[in-house]
Amino acid sequence: VQACLAAGLDVEVVPGPSAVLTALVL
């Protein structure tokens, strides 16, 4: 991500499952 942003390129995210948030909510 850092390398692409430094080069002025697009970065996209397809969000989804997260162990952090799943455990936090539970």
mmCIF file of all heavy atoms, coordinates in Angstrom:
data_MODEL
# 
_entry.id   MODEL 
# 
loop_
_atom_site.group_PDB 
_atom_site.id 
_atom_site.type_symbol 
_atom_site.label_atom_id 
_atom_site.label_alt_id 
_atom_site.label_comp_id 
_atom_site.label_asym_id 
_atom_site.label_entity_id 
_atom_site.label_seq_id 
_atom_site.pdbx_PDB_ins_code 
_atom_site.Cartn_x 
_atom_site.Cartn_y 
_atom_site.Cartn_z 
_atom_site.occupancy 
_atom_site.B_iso_or_equiv 
_atom_site.pdbx_formal_charge 
_atom_site.auth_seq_id 
_atom_site.auth_comp_id 
_atom_site.auth_asym_id 
_atom_site.auth_atom_id 
_atom_site.pdbx_PDB_model_num 
ATOM 1   N N   . VAL A 1 1  ? 0.838   -1.203  0.000   1.00 0.00 ? 1  VAL A N   1 
ATOM 2   C CA  . VAL A 1 1  ? 0.000   0.000   0.000   1.00 0.00 ? 1  VAL A CA  1 
ATOM 3   C C   . VAL A 1 1  ? 0.869   1.247   0.000   1.00 0.00 ? 1  VAL A C   1 
ATOM 4   O O   . VAL A 1 1  ? 0.644   2.188   -0.790  1.00 0.00 ? 1  VAL A O   1 
ATOM 5   C CB  . VAL A 1 1  ? -0.945  0.004   1.220   1.00 0.00 ? 1  VAL A CB  1 
ATOM 6   C CG1 . VAL A 1 1  ? -1.671  1.344   1.336   1.00 0.00 ? 1  VAL A CG1 1 
ATOM 7   C CG2 . VAL A 1 1  ? -1.951  -1.137  1.120   1.00 0.00 ? 1  VAL A CG2 1 
ATOM 8   N N   . GLN A 1 2  ? 1.861   1.282   0.878   1.00 0.00 ? 2  GLN A N   1 
ATOM 9   C CA  . GLN A 1 2  ? 2.733   2.453   0.981   1.00 0.00 ? 2  GLN A CA  1 
ATOM 10  C C   . GLN A 1 2  ? 3.464   2.725   -0.330  1.00 0.00 ? 2  GLN A C   1 
ATOM 11  O O   . GLN A 1 2  ? 3.572   3.871   -0.772  1.00 0.00 ? 2  GLN A O   1 
ATOM 12  C CB  . GLN A 1 2  ? 3.733   2.251   2.119   1.00 0.00 ? 2  GLN A CB  1 
ATOM 13  C CG  . GLN A 1 2  ? 3.099   2.235   3.494   1.00 0.00 ? 2  GLN A CG  1 
ATOM 14  C CD  . GLN A 1 2  ? 4.025   1.694   4.570   1.00 0.00 ? 2  GLN A CD  1 
ATOM 15  O OE1 . GLN A 1 2  ? 5.224   1.509   4.342   1.00 0.00 ? 2  GLN A OE1 1 
ATOM 16  N NE2 . GLN A 1 2  ? 3.472   1.423   5.747   1.00 0.00 ? 2  GLN A NE2 1 
ATOM 17  N N   . ALA A 1 3  ? 3.957   1.645   -0.959  1.00 0.00 ? 3  ALA A N   1 
ATOM 18  C CA  . ALA A 1 3  ? 4.703   1.810   -2.212  1.00 0.00 ? 3  ALA A CA  1 
ATOM 19  C C   . ALA A 1 3  ? 3.802   2.350   -3.319  1.00 0.00 ? 3  ALA A C   1 
ATOM 20  O O   . ALA A 1 3  ? 4.205   3.239   -4.086  1.00 0.00 ? 3  ALA A O   1 
ATOM 21  C CB  . ALA A 1 3  ? 5.324   0.477   -2.626  1.00 0.00 ? 3  ALA A CB  1 
ATOM 22  N N   . CYS A 1 4  ? 2.593   1.835   -3.427  1.00 0.00 ? 4  CYS A N   1 
ATOM 23  C CA  . CYS A 1 4  ? 1.674   2.292   -4.475  1.00 0.00 ? 4  CYS A CA  1 
ATOM 24  C C   . CYS A 1 4  ? 1.219   3.723   -4.227  1.00 0.00 ? 4  CYS A C   1 
ATOM 25  O O   . CYS A 1 4  ? 1.147   4.540   -5.167  1.00 0.00 ? 4  CYS A O   1 
ATOM 26  C CB  . CYS A 1 4  ? 0.473   1.356   -4.566  1.00 0.00 ? 4  CYS A CB  1 
ATOM 27  S SG  . CYS A 1 4  ? 0.849   -0.239  -5.331  1.00 0.00 ? 4  CYS A SG  1 
ATOM 28  N N   . LEU A 1 5  ? 0.914   4.070   -2.997  1.00 0.00 ? 5  LEU A N   1 
ATOM 29  C CA  . LEU A 1 5  ? 0.493   5.436   -2.691  1.00 0.00 ? 5  LEU A CA  1 
ATOM 30  C C   . LEU A 1 5  ? 1.623   6.422   -2.950  1.00 0.00 ? 5  LEU A C   1 
ATOM 31  O O   . LEU A 1 5  ? 1.404   7.528   -3.458  1.00 0.00 ? 5  LEU A O   1 
ATOM 32  C CB  . LEU A 1 5  ? 0.021   5.537   -1.240  1.00 0.00 ? 5  LEU A CB  1 
ATOM 33  C CG  . LEU A 1 5  ? -1.277  4.790   -0.900  1.00 0.00 ? 5  LEU A CG  1 
ATOM 34  C CD1 . LEU A 1 5  ? -1.617  4.960   0.575   1.00 0.00 ? 5  LEU A CD1 1 
ATOM 35  C CD2 . LEU A 1 5  ? -2.432  5.263   -1.768  1.00 0.00 ? 5  LEU A CD2 1 
ATOM 36  N N   . ALA A 1 6  ? 2.850   6.023   -2.599  1.00 0.00 ? 6  ALA A N   1 
ATOM 37  C CA  . ALA A 1 6  ? 4.002   6.903   -2.833  1.00 0.00 ? 6  ALA A CA  1 
ATOM 38  C C   . ALA A 1 6  ? 4.210   7.150   -4.321  1.00 0.00 ? 6  ALA A C   1 
ATOM 39  O O   . ALA A 1 6  ? 4.717   8.210   -4.721  1.00 0.00 ? 6  ALA A O   1 
ATOM 40  C CB  . ALA A 1 6  ? 5.267   6.289   -2.218  1.00 0.00 ? 6  ALA A CB  1 
ATOM 41  N N   . ALA A 1 7  ? 3.810   6.184   -5.151  1.00 0.00 ? 7  ALA A N   1 
ATOM 42  C CA  . ALA A 1 7  ? 3.941   6.328   -6.602  1.00 0.00 ? 7  ALA A CA  1 
ATOM 43  C C   . ALA A 1 7  ? 2.717   6.995   -7.229  1.00 0.00 ? 7  ALA A C   1 
ATOM 44  O O   . ALA A 1 7  ? 2.630   7.113   -8.454  1.00 0.00 ? 7  ALA A O   1 
ATOM 45  C CB  . ALA A 1 7  ? 4.176   4.957   -7.235  1.00 0.00 ? 7  ALA A CB  1 
ATOM 46  N N   . GLY A 1 8  ? 1.772   7.421   -6.408  1.00 0.00 ? 8  GLY A N   1 
ATOM 47  C CA  . GLY A 1 8  ? 0.569   8.088   -6.917  1.00 0.00 ? 8  GLY A CA  1 
ATOM 48  C C   . GLY A 1 8  ? -0.415  7.145   -7.566  1.00 0.00 ? 8  GLY A C   1 
ATOM 49  O O   . GLY A 1 8  ? -1.220  7.577   -8.406  1.00 0.00 ? 8  GLY A O   1 
ATOM 50  N N   . LEU A 1 9  ? -0.398  5.878   -7.177  1.00 0.00 ? 9  LEU A N   1 
ATOM 51  C CA  . LEU A 1 9  ? -1.267  4.873   -7.789  1.00 0.00 ? 9  LEU A CA  1 
ATOM 52  C C   . LEU A 1 9  ? -2.501  4.614   -6.935  1.00 0.00 ? 9  LEU A C   1 
ATOM 53  O O   . LEU A 1 9  ? -2.518  4.898   -5.736  1.00 0.00 ? 9  LEU A O   1 
ATOM 54  C CB  . LEU A 1 9  ? -0.480  3.576   -7.986  1.00 0.00 ? 9  LEU A CB  1 
ATOM 55  C CG  . LEU A 1 9  ? 0.781   3.692   -8.848  1.00 0.00 ? 9  LEU A CG  1 
ATOM 56  C CD1 . LEU A 1 9  ? 1.568   2.389   -8.822  1.00 0.00 ? 9  LEU A CD1 1 
ATOM 57  C CD2 . LEU A 1 9  ? 0.406   4.073   -10.285 1.00 0.00 ? 9  LEU A CD2 1 
ATOM 58  N N   . ASP A 1 10 ? -3.516  4.038   -7.564  1.00 0.00 ? 10 ASP A N   1 
ATOM 59  C CA  . ASP A 1 10 ? -4.768  3.755   -6.867  1.00 0.00 ? 10 ASP A CA  1 
ATOM 60  C C   . ASP A 1 10 ? -4.636  2.513   -5.982  1.00 0.00 ? 10 ASP A C   1 
ATOM 61  O O   . ASP A 1 10 ? -4.030  1.507   -6.377  1.00 0.00 ? 10 ASP A O   1 
ATOM 62  C CB  . ASP A 1 10 ? -5.898  3.517   -7.866  1.00 0.00 ? 10 ASP A CB  1 
ATOM 63  C CG  . ASP A 1 10 ? -6.338  4.799   -8.562  1.00 0.00 ? 10 ASP A CG  1 
ATOM 64  O OD1 . ASP A 1 10 ? -5.940  5.885   -8.099  1.00 0.00 ? 10 ASP A OD1 1 
ATOM 65  O OD2 . ASP A 1 10 ? -7.077  4.702   -9.557  1.00 0.00 ? 10 ASP A OD2 1 
ATOM 66  N N   . VAL A 1 11 ? -5.227  2.598   -4.811  1.00 0.00 ? 11 VAL A N   1 
ATOM 67  C CA  . VAL A 1 11 ? -5.339  1.454   -3.905  1.00 0.00 ? 11 VAL A CA  1 
ATOM 68  C C   . VAL A 1 11 ? -6.806  1.302   -3.541  1.00 0.00 ? 11 VAL A C   1 
ATOM 69  O O   . VAL A 1 11 ? -7.457  2.275   -3.146  1.00 0.00 ? 11 VAL A O   1 
ATOM 70  C CB  . VAL A 1 11 ? -4.495  1.641   -2.629  1.00 0.00 ? 11 VAL A CB  1 
ATOM 71  C CG1 . VAL A 1 11 ? -4.717  0.482   -1.666  1.00 0.00 ? 11 VAL A CG1 1 
ATOM 72  C CG2 . VAL A 1 11 ? -3.013  1.779   -2.975  1.00 0.00 ? 11 VAL A CG2 1 
ATOM 73  N N   . GLU A 1 12 ? -7.332  0.098   -3.700  1.00 0.00 ? 12 GLU A N   1 
ATOM 74  C CA  . GLU A 1 12 ? -8.722  -0.185  -3.363  1.00 0.00 ? 12 GLU A CA  1 
ATOM 75  C C   . GLU A 1 12 ? -8.777  -1.295  -2.315  1.00 0.00 ? 12 GLU A C   1 
ATOM 76  O O   . GLU A 1 12 ? -7.832  -2.077  -2.171  1.00 0.00 ? 12 GLU A O   1 
ATOM 77  C CB  . GLU A 1 12 ? -9.492  -0.628  -4.613  1.00 0.00 ? 12 GLU A CB  1 
ATOM 78  C CG  . GLU A 1 12 ? -9.499  0.400   -5.729  1.00 0.00 ? 12 GLU A CG  1 
ATOM 79  C CD  . GLU A 1 12 ? -10.124 -0.130  -7.012  1.00 0.00 ? 12 GLU A CD  1 
ATOM 80  O OE1 . GLU A 1 12 ? -10.681 -1.259  -6.977  1.00 0.00 ? 12 GLU A OE1 1 
ATOM 81  O OE2 . GLU A 1 12 ? -10.037 0.552   -8.053  1.00 0.00 ? 12 GLU A OE2 1 
ATOM 82  N N   . VAL A 1 13 ? -9.874  -1.350  -1.583  1.00 0.00 ? 13 VAL A N   1 
ATOM 83  C CA  . VAL A 1 13 ? -10.060 -2.385  -0.564  1.00 0.00 ? 13 VAL A CA  1 
ATOM 84  C C   . VAL A 1 13 ? -11.421 -3.038  -0.747  1.00 0.00 ? 13 VAL A C   1 
ATOM 85  O O   . VAL A 1 13 ? -12.429 -2.351  -0.908  1.00 0.00 ? 13 VAL A O   1 
ATOM 86  C CB  . VAL A 1 13 ? -9.957  -1.801  0.858   1.00 0.00 ? 13 VAL A CB  1 
ATOM 87  C CG1 . VAL A 1 13 ? -10.348 -2.851  1.900   1.00 0.00 ? 13 VAL A CG1 1 
ATOM 88  C CG2 . VAL A 1 13 ? -8.541  -1.300  1.136   1.00 0.00 ? 13 VAL A CG2 1 
ATOM 89  N N   . VAL A 1 14 ? -11.430 -4.361  -0.725  1.00 0.00 ? 14 VAL A N   1 
ATOM 90  C CA  . VAL A 1 14 ? -12.672 -5.121  -0.679  1.00 0.00 ? 14 VAL A CA  1 
ATOM 91  C C   . VAL A 1 14 ? -12.778 -5.650  0.751   1.00 0.00 ? 14 VAL A C   1 
ATOM 92  O O   . VAL A 1 14 ? -12.096 -6.604  1.118   1.00 0.00 ? 14 VAL A O   1 
ATOM 93  C CB  . VAL A 1 14 ? -12.668 -6.281  -1.688  1.00 0.00 ? 14 VAL A CB  1 
ATOM 94  C CG1 . VAL A 1 14 ? -13.967 -7.082  -1.573  1.00 0.00 ? 14 VAL A CG1 1 
ATOM 95  C CG2 . VAL A 1 14 ? -12.494 -5.755  -3.114  1.00 0.00 ? 14 VAL A CG2 1 
ATOM 96  N N   . PRO A 1 15 ? -13.595 -5.015  1.595   1.00 0.00 ? 15 PRO A N   1 
ATOM 97  C CA  . PRO A 1 15 ? -13.635 -5.395  3.010   1.00 0.00 ? 15 PRO A CA  1 
ATOM 98  C C   . PRO A 1 15 ? -14.283 -6.756  3.216   1.00 0.00 ? 15 PRO A C   1 
ATOM 99  O O   . PRO A 1 15 ? -14.950 -7.296  2.333   1.00 0.00 ? 15 PRO A O   1 
ATOM 100 C CB  . PRO A 1 15 ? -14.465 -4.282  3.651   1.00 0.00 ? 15 PRO A CB  1 
ATOM 101 C CG  . PRO A 1 15 ? -15.346 -3.803  2.550   1.00 0.00 ? 15 PRO A CG  1 
ATOM 102 C CD  . PRO A 1 15 ? -14.530 -3.924  1.289   1.00 0.00 ? 15 PRO A CD  1 
ATOM 103 N N   . GLY A 1 16 ? -14.083 -7.289  4.410   1.00 0.00 ? 16 GLY A N   1 
ATOM 104 C CA  . GLY A 1 16 ? -14.652 -8.599  4.693   1.00 0.00 ? 16 GLY A CA  1 
ATOM 105 C C   . GLY A 1 16 ? -14.389 -9.037  6.117   1.00 0.00 ? 16 GLY A C   1 
ATOM 106 O O   . GLY A 1 16 ? -14.290 -8.197  7.016   1.00 0.00 ? 16 GLY A O   1 
ATOM 107 N N   . PRO A 1 17 ? -14.240 -10.341 6.342   1.00 0.00 ? 17 PRO A N   1 
ATOM 108 C CA  . PRO A 1 17 ? -14.102 -10.881 7.691   1.00 0.00 ? 17 PRO A CA  1 
ATOM 109 C C   . PRO A 1 17 ? -12.903 -10.302 8.438   1.00 0.00 ? 17 PRO A C   1 
ATOM 110 O O   . PRO A 1 17 ? -11.862 -10.019 7.856   1.00 0.00 ? 17 PRO A O   1 
ATOM 111 C CB  . PRO A 1 17 ? -13.916 -12.381 7.458   1.00 0.00 ? 17 PRO A CB  1 
ATOM 112 C CG  . PRO A 1 17 ? -14.530 -12.634 6.119   1.00 0.00 ? 17 PRO A CG  1 
ATOM 113 C CD  . PRO A 1 17 ? -14.252 -11.407 5.321   1.00 0.00 ? 17 PRO A CD  1 
ATOM 114 N N   . SER A 1 18 ? -13.079 -10.147 9.761   1.00 0.00 ? 18 SER A N   1 
ATOM 115 C CA  . SER A 1 18 ? -12.020 -9.612  10.612  1.00 0.00 ? 18 SER A CA  1 
ATOM 116 C C   . SER A 1 18 ? -12.045 -10.324 11.950  1.00 0.00 ? 18 SER A C   1 
ATOM 117 O O   . SER A 1 18 ? -13.049 -10.267 12.670  1.00 0.00 ? 18 SER A O   1 
ATOM 118 C CB  . SER A 1 18 ? -12.208 -8.104  10.820  1.00 0.00 ? 18 SER A CB  1 
ATOM 119 O OG  . SER A 1 18 ? -11.415 -7.637  11.900  1.00 0.00 ? 18 SER A OG  1 
ATOM 120 N N   . ALA A 1 19 ? -10.952 -10.982 12.303  1.00 0.00 ? 19 ALA A N   1 
ATOM 121 C CA  . ALA A 1 19 ? -10.864 -11.654 13.604  1.00 0.00 ? 19 ALA A CA  1 
ATOM 122 C C   . ALA A 1 19 ? -10.923 -10.639 14.738  1.00 0.00 ? 19 ALA A C   1 
ATOM 123 O O   . ALA A 1 19 ? -11.474 -10.909 15.804  1.00 0.00 ? 19 ALA A O   1 
ATOM 124 C CB  . ALA A 1 19 ? -9.582  -12.472 13.681  1.00 0.00 ? 19 ALA A CB  1 
ATOM 125 N N   . VAL A 1 20 ? -10.344 -9.451  14.504  1.00 0.00 ? 20 VAL A N   1 
ATOM 126 C CA  . VAL A 1 20 ? -10.328 -8.412  15.534  1.00 0.00 ? 20 VAL A CA  1 
ATOM 127 C C   . VAL A 1 20 ? -11.753 -8.011  15.906  1.00 0.00 ? 20 VAL A C   1 
ATOM 128 O O   . VAL A 1 20 ? -12.151 -8.034  17.081  1.00 0.00 ? 20 VAL A O   1 
ATOM 129 C CB  . VAL A 1 20 ? -9.547  -7.173  15.049  1.00 0.00 ? 20 VAL A CB  1 
ATOM 130 C CG1 . VAL A 1 20 ? -9.614  -6.064  16.094  1.00 0.00 ? 20 VAL A CG1 1 
ATOM 131 C CG2 . VAL A 1 20 ? -8.104  -7.530  14.754  1.00 0.00 ? 20 VAL A CG2 1 
ATOM 132 N N   . LEU A 1 21 ? -12.538 -7.624  14.909  1.00 0.00 ? 21 LEU A N   1 
ATOM 133 C CA  . LEU A 1 21 ? -13.895 -7.143  15.174  1.00 0.00 ? 21 LEU A CA  1 
ATOM 134 C C   . LEU A 1 21 ? -14.823 -8.264  15.622  1.00 0.00 ? 21 LEU A C   1 
ATOM 135 O O   . LEU A 1 21 ? -15.699 -8.059  16.474  1.00 0.00 ? 21 LEU A O   1 
ATOM 136 C CB  . LEU A 1 21 ? -14.456 -6.453  13.936  1.00 0.00 ? 21 LEU A CB  1 
ATOM 137 C CG  . LEU A 1 21 ? -13.708 -5.194  13.493  1.00 0.00 ? 21 LEU A CG  1 
ATOM 138 C CD1 . LEU A 1 21 ? -14.380 -4.586  12.271  1.00 0.00 ? 21 LEU A CD1 1 
ATOM 139 C CD2 . LEU A 1 21 ? -13.644 -4.171  14.619  1.00 0.00 ? 21 LEU A CD2 1 
ATOM 140 N N   . THR A 1 22 ? -14.643 -9.464  15.075  1.00 0.00 ? 22 THR A N   1 
ATOM 141 C CA  . THR A 1 22 ? -15.487 -10.590 15.472  1.00 0.00 ? 22 THR A CA  1 
ATOM 142 C C   . THR A 1 22 ? -15.306 -10.898 16.953  1.00 0.00 ? 22 THR A C   1 
ATOM 143 O O   . THR A 1 22 ? -16.280 -11.045 17.704  1.00 0.00 ? 22 THR A O   1 
ATOM 144 C CB  . THR A 1 22 ? -15.162 -11.830 14.626  1.00 0.00 ? 22 THR A CB  1 
ATOM 145 O OG1 . THR A 1 22 ? -15.354 -11.524 13.238  1.00 0.00 ? 22 THR A OG1 1 
ATOM 146 C CG2 . THR A 1 22 ? -16.051 -12.997 15.001  1.00 0.00 ? 22 THR A CG2 1 
ATOM 147 N N   . ALA A 1 23 ? -14.041 -10.997 17.386  1.00 0.00 ? 23 ALA A N   1 
ATOM 148 C CA  . ALA A 1 23 ? -13.766 -11.290 18.793  1.00 0.00 ? 23 ALA A CA  1 
ATOM 149 C C   . ALA A 1 23 ? -14.219 -10.148 19.698  1.00 0.00 ? 23 ALA A C   1 
ATOM 150 O O   . ALA A 1 23 ? -14.759 -10.377 20.785  1.00 0.00 ? 23 ALA A O   1 
ATOM 151 C CB  . ALA A 1 23 ? -12.279 -11.559 18.984  1.00 0.00 ? 23 ALA A CB  1 
ATOM 152 N N   . LEU A 1 24 ? -14.009 -8.919  19.255  1.00 0.00 ? 24 LEU A N   1 
ATOM 153 C CA  . LEU A 1 24 ? -14.396 -7.757  20.052  1.00 0.00 ? 24 LEU A CA  1 
ATOM 154 C C   . LEU A 1 24 ? -15.896 -7.757  20.326  1.00 0.00 ? 24 LEU A C   1 
ATOM 155 O O   . LEU A 1 24 ? -16.345 -7.584  21.471  1.00 0.00 ? 24 LEU A O   1 
ATOM 156 C CB  . LEU A 1 24 ? -13.986 -6.477  19.332  1.00 0.00 ? 24 LEU A CB  1 
ATOM 157 C CG  . LEU A 1 24 ? -14.384 -5.156  19.992  1.00 0.00 ? 24 LEU A CG  1 
ATOM 158 C CD1 . LEU A 1 24 ? -13.631 -4.963  21.298  1.00 0.00 ? 24 LEU A CD1 1 
ATOM 159 C CD2 . LEU A 1 24 ? -14.123 -3.989  19.037  1.00 0.00 ? 24 LEU A CD2 1 
ATOM 160 N N   . VAL A 1 25 ? -16.692 -7.960  19.290  1.00 0.00 ? 25 VAL A N   1 
ATOM 161 C CA  . VAL A 1 25 ? -18.143 -7.935  19.447  1.00 0.00 ? 25 VAL A CA  1 
ATOM 162 C C   . VAL A 1 25 ? -18.618 -9.107  20.305  1.00 0.00 ? 25 VAL A C   1 
ATOM 163 O O   . VAL A 1 25 ? -19.536 -8.969  21.127  1.00 0.00 ? 25 VAL A O   1 
ATOM 164 C CB  . VAL A 1 25 ? -18.818 -7.951  18.062  1.00 0.00 ? 25 VAL A CB  1 
ATOM 165 C CG1 . VAL A 1 25 ? -20.317 -8.138  18.199  1.00 0.00 ? 25 VAL A CG1 1 
ATOM 166 C CG2 . VAL A 1 25 ? -18.520 -6.661  17.320  1.00 0.00 ? 25 VAL A CG2 1 
ATOM 167 N N   . LEU A 1 26 ? -17.992 -10.271 20.139  1.00 0.00 ? 26 LEU A N   1 
ATOM 168 C CA  . LEU A 1 26 ? -18.398 -11.447 20.910  1.00 0.00 ? 26 LEU A CA  1 
ATOM 169 C C   . LEU A 1 26 ? -17.977 -11.369 22.373  1.00 0.00 ? 26 LEU A C   1 
ATOM 170 O O   . LEU A 1 26 ? -18.531 -12.084 23.217  1.00 0.00 ? 26 LEU A O   1 
ATOM 171 C CB  . LEU A 1 26 ? -17.793 -12.712 20.288  1.00 0.00 ? 26 LEU A CB  1 
ATOM 172 C CG  . LEU A 1 26 ? -18.444 -13.236 19.006  1.00 0.00 ? 26 LEU A CG  1 
ATOM 173 C CD1 . LEU A 1 26 ? -17.604 -14.366 18.429  1.00 0.00 ? 26 LEU A CD1 1 
ATOM 174 C CD2 . LEU A 1 26 ? -19.857 -13.721 19.285  1.00 0.00 ? 26 LEU A CD2 1 
# 
